[in-house]
Amino acid sequence: MSEINTAEDAVRKADSFLTKYYIFRRLEGVKKTDDNWVVQYDVSVIGPKKIVIIKFDAKTGSLIEYNTDN
């Protein structure tokens, strides 16, 4: 895997990952914390928000964490 240097790179990688699981994705936020990128999406079509959080290692580009809030 390759290093993630920018927020755009992190979003592109997260979006590529989520395409396998969700048709609808709306970006809610992206931030760098320490050596990780955290990308947050709303994947709900209708009804209450369903938030997905994806965390990547900035140096390796490896997926560290994938969580949904419900």
Protein backbone atom coordinates (compact mmCIF):
# COMPACT_ATOMS: atom_id res chain seq x y z
CA MET A 1 0.00 0.00 0.00
CA SER A 2 1.06 3.57 -0.43
CA GLU A 3 1.37 6.57 1.83
CA ILE A 4 -1.65 8.88 2.18
CA ASN A 5 -0.41 12.48 2.12
CA THR A 6 -3.55 14.55 1.64
CA ALA A 7 -7.20 14.61 2.67
CA GLU A 8 -8.11 14.08 -0.98
CA ASP A 9 -6.07 10.87 -1.07
CA ALA A 10 -7.75 9.65 2.12
CA VAL A 11 -11.24 10.37 0.74
CA ARG A 12 -10.43 8.67 -2.56
CA LYS A 13 -9.19 5.55 -0.75
CA ALA A 14 -12.18 5.46 1.61
CA ASP A 15 -14.62 5.96 -1.24
CA SER A 16 -13.02 3.13 -3.18
CA PHE A 17 -13.39 0.86 -0.14
CA LEU A 18 -17.03 1.83 0.53
CA THR A 19 -18.09 1.35 -3.10
CA LYS A 20 -18.04 -2.40 -2.43
CA TYR A 21 -20.63 -2.11 0.35
CA TYR A 22 -22.77 0.99 -0.18
CA ILE A 23 -24.39 2.50 -3.26
CA PHE A 24 -25.04 5.83 -1.56
CA ARG A 25 -22.26 7.70 0.25
CA ARG A 26 -22.13 11.30 1.46
CA LEU A 27 -18.85 12.60 2.87
CA GLU A 28 -19.31 14.01 6.39
CA GLY A 29 -15.70 14.80 7.23
CA VAL A 30 -12.02 13.95 7.02
CA LYS A 31 -9.20 14.72 9.43
CA LYS A 32 -5.69 13.67 10.24
CA THR A 33 -5.01 12.55 13.80
CA ASP A 34 -1.43 11.68 14.73
CA ASP A 35 -0.35 9.25 12.00
CA ASN A 36 -3.86 8.33 10.84
CA TRP A 37 -6.50 9.64 8.49
CA VAL A 38 -10.11 9.38 9.69
CA VAL A 39 -12.85 9.63 7.06
CA GLN A 40 -16.53 9.80 7.99
CA TYR A 41 -19.48 9.12 5.66
CA ASP A 42 -23.25 9.09 5.94
CA VAL A 43 -24.41 5.99 4.05
CA SER A 44 -28.15 6.22 4.74
CA VAL A 45 -30.51 6.67 1.83
CA ILE A 46 -33.57 7.64 3.89
CA GLY A 47 -34.35 7.67 7.57
CA PRO A 48 -31.87 8.26 10.36
CA LYS A 49 -28.23 8.85 9.51
CA LYS A 50 -25.99 5.81 9.39
CA ILE A 51 -22.43 6.98 9.93
CA VAL A 52 -19.45 4.95 8.77
CA ILE A 53 -15.97 5.78 10.07
CA ILE A 54 -12.87 4.54 8.29
CA LYS A 55 -9.36 4.96 9.64
CA PHE A 56 -6.19 4.54 7.57
CA ASP A 57 -2.54 4.56 8.59
CA ALA A 58 -1.10 7.66 6.88
CA LYS A 59 2.35 6.12 6.33
CA THR A 60 1.31 2.74 4.90
CA GLY A 61 -2.21 3.42 3.61
CA SER A 62 -3.43 0.33 5.47
CA LEU A 63 -6.97 0.12 6.75
CA ILE A 64 -6.86 0.26 10.55
CA GLU A 65 -10.51 0.51 11.49
CA TYR A 66 -13.97 0.33 9.93
CA ASN A 67 -16.97 1.14 12.15
CA THR A 68 -20.62 2.02 11.83
CA ASP A 69 -22.49 3.93 14.49
CA ASN A 70 -25.51 1.61 14.34
